[in-house]
Amino acid sequence: MECAIKRTPATAKHARLRSRIRDFVLYCAIGIAVALFAIGYGVHEARTDSQARGFPVKWLGLFIMTGLLLYFAIRAYRGVADRGRFWRLITIFGAGHFIAAWLVLTRVQGVTLGDFAIATIPEYFILMAYLERFMNARRPANPSR
């Protein structure tokens, strides 16, 4: 069955422009959400009178590096980001990631953002190998190639 809309260079250019605008709006929304969270947290800290001020760096590092890790994975697999299988795999990996990180971070006291940066590098390659393996799991191997 053929597509009713014939792709011409003009329609392809329009689709790319729409994708770029959508991505820009999404990036702006994420940035605004992060800024609002930071401002809201600052206002909350200023209003409370607790002696134990501050958000623990280890949890902040976990959220920042996990966000970057997932951002790079989604960007690398942008072509299949509309498939449910991709999002299920990301969700499974993210759940395992947060469980493992929670187990480690609740037992370790001194963690810096540099530790997270170092740990994110191998984790990125593990995530990419995981996605590559399971995104291509349904494709039959072609022995003639």
Protein backbone atom coordinates (compact mmCIF):
# COMPACT_ATOMS: atom_id res chain seq x y z
CA MET A 1 0.00 0.00 0.00
CA GLU A 2 1.49 3.32 -1.03
CA CYS A 3 1.56 6.48 0.98
CA ALA A 4 -0.99 9.07 -0.16
CA ILE A 5 1.47 11.94 0.32
CA LYS A 6 4.26 11.98 -2.17
CA ARG A 7 7.58 13.05 -0.68
CA THR A 8 9.09 15.95 -2.55
CA PRO A 9 12.13 17.96 -1.50
CA ALA A 10 9.78 20.72 -0.30
CA THR A 11 7.73 18.39 1.93
CA ALA A 12 10.88 16.74 3.26
CA LYS A 13 12.32 20.17 4.09
CA HIS A 14 9.06 21.12 5.82
CA ALA A 15 9.15 17.90 7.87
CA ARG A 16 12.76 18.61 8.92
CA LEU A 17 11.81 22.14 9.91
CA ARG A 18 8.88 20.88 11.98
CA SER A 19 11.16 18.35 13.68
CA ARG A 20 13.69 21.05 14.49
CA ILE A 21 11.02 23.35 15.88
CA ARG A 22 9.54 20.52 17.96
CA ASP A 23 12.99 19.64 19.32
CA PHE A 24 13.71 23.29 20.13
CA VAL A 25 10.41 23.66 22.00
CA LEU A 26 11.09 20.41 23.87
CA TYR A 27 14.60 21.55 24.87
CA CYS A 28 13.19 24.87 26.04
CA ALA A 29 10.50 23.12 28.08
CA ILE A 30 13.10 20.88 29.75
CA GLY A 31 15.32 23.87 30.50
CA ILE A 32 12.43 25.84 31.95
CA ALA A 33 11.37 22.86 34.09
CA VAL A 34 14.90 22.47 35.48
CA ALA A 35 15.16 26.21 36.16
CA LEU A 36 11.76 26.26 37.90
CA PHE A 37 12.76 23.28 40.04
CA ALA A 38 16.00 25.00 41.06
CA ILE A 39 14.24 28.29 41.84
CA GLY A 40 11.47 26.51 43.74
CA TYR A 41 13.98 24.53 45.75
CA GLY A 42 15.91 27.72 46.54
CA VAL A 43 12.75 29.48 47.69
CA HIS A 44 11.81 26.47 49.82
CA GLU A 45 15.26 26.41 51.44
CA ALA A 46 15.10 30.15 52.12
CA ARG A 47 11.72 29.85 53.83
CA THR A 48 12.56 26.87 56.03
CA ASP A 49 14.55 27.31 59.19
CA SER A 50 16.19 23.89 59.23
CA GLN A 51 19.85 23.53 60.17
CA ALA A 52 20.45 20.80 57.60
CA ARG A 53 20.34 22.91 54.46
CA GLY A 54 21.25 21.77 51.01
CA PHE A 55 20.38 19.04 48.60
CA PRO A 56 22.86 16.16 48.85
CA VAL A 57 25.28 16.33 45.93
CA LYS A 58 25.12 12.57 45.39
CA TRP A 59 21.41 12.67 44.54
CA LEU A 60 21.80 15.77 42.40
CA GLY A 61 24.63 14.03 40.53
CA LEU A 62 22.47 10.96 40.01
CA PHE A 63 19.67 13.01 38.44
CA ILE A 64 21.97 15.09 36.25
CA MET A 65 24.03 12.20 34.92
CA THR A 66 20.99 9.96 34.40
CA GLY A 67 19.35 12.75 32.44
CA LEU A 68 22.44 13.15 30.26
CA LEU A 69 22.74 9.40 29.78
CA LEU A 70 19.14 9.06 28.63
CA TYR A 71 19.39 12.19 26.49
CA PHE A 72 22.35 10.79 24.55
CA ALA A 73 20.66 7.40 24.16
CA ILE A 74 17.42 8.92 22.86
CA ARG A 75 19.37 11.16 20.52
CA ALA A 76 21.39 8.20 19.19
CA TYR A 77 18.20 6.20 18.57
CA ARG A 78 16.08 9.11 17.32
CA GLY A 79 14.99 7.13 14.24
CA VAL A 80 13.25 4.48 16.33
CA ALA A 81 12.09 6.72 19.18
CA ASP A 82 8.50 6.37 17.96
CA ARG A 83 8.47 2.63 18.69
CA GLY A 84 7.03 1.31 21.92
CA ARG A 85 9.77 -1.32 22.14
CA PHE A 86 12.44 1.38 22.41
CA TRP A 87 10.65 3.11 25.30
CA ARG A 88 10.07 -0.18 27.09
CA LEU A 89 13.80 -0.95 26.87
CA ILE A 90 14.69 2.54 28.12
CA THR A 91 12.23 2.12 31.02
CA ILE A 92 13.66 -1.26 32.00
CA PHE A 93 17.22 0.07 31.86
CA GLY A 94 16.24 3.21 33.80
CA ALA A 95 14.56 1.17 36.54
CA GLY A 96 17.61 -1.06 36.90
CA HIS A 97 19.85 2.00 36.86
CA PHE A 98 17.92 3.74 39.64
CA ILE A 99 17.71 0.60 41.81
CA ALA A 100 21.46 -0.02 41.49
CA ALA A 101 22.26 3.66 42.11
CA TRP A 102 19.97 3.81 45.14
CA LEU A 103 21.63 0.72 46.63
CA VAL A 104 25.08 2.23 46.14
CA LEU A 105 24.28 5.80 47.16
CA THR A 106 22.50 4.87 50.39
CA ARG A 107 25.67 3.08 51.56
CA VAL A 108 28.29 5.59 50.36
CA GLN A 109 28.68 9.00 51.98
CA GLY A 110 31.32 10.87 50.00
CA VAL A 111 30.38 11.03 46.31
CA THR A 112 31.29 13.92 44.04
CA LEU A 113 29.97 14.95 40.65
CA GLY A 114 33.30 13.82 39.18
CA ASP A 115 32.59 10.28 40.38
CA PHE A 116 29.33 10.36 38.47
CA ALA A 117 31.02 11.67 35.35
CA ILE A 118 33.52 8.80 35.45
CA ALA A 119 30.79 6.20 36.10
CA THR A 120 28.57 7.54 33.31
CA ILE A 121 31.09 6.77 30.57
CA PRO A 122 31.02 2.95 30.90
CA GLU A 123 27.31 3.08 31.68
CA TYR A 124 26.71 4.85 28.36
CA PHE A 125 28.48 2.08 26.45
CA ILE A 126 26.55 -0.57 28.39
CA LEU A 127 23.27 1.19 27.53
CA MET A 128 24.20 1.43 23.85
CA ALA A 129 25.14 -2.27 23.71
CA TYR A 130 21.91 -3.16 25.54
CA LEU A 131 19.77 -1.14 23.12
CA GLU A 132 21.64 -2.44 20.07
CA ARG A 133 21.18 -6.03 21.22
CA PHE A 134 17.51 -5.85 22.08
CA MET A 135 16.37 -3.41 19.38
CA ASN A 136 17.73 -5.82 16.76
CA ALA A 137 16.58 -9.00 18.54
CA ARG A 138 13.56 -9.53 16.27
CA ARG A 139 15.50 -9.21 13.02
CA PRO A 140 16.55 -12.62 11.73
CA ALA A 141 20.22 -13.10 11.04
CA ASN A 142 21.06 -13.30 7.33
CA PRO A 143 23.88 -15.85 6.91
CA SER A 144 24.48 -14.93 3.26
CA ARG A 145 25.95 -11.51 4.20
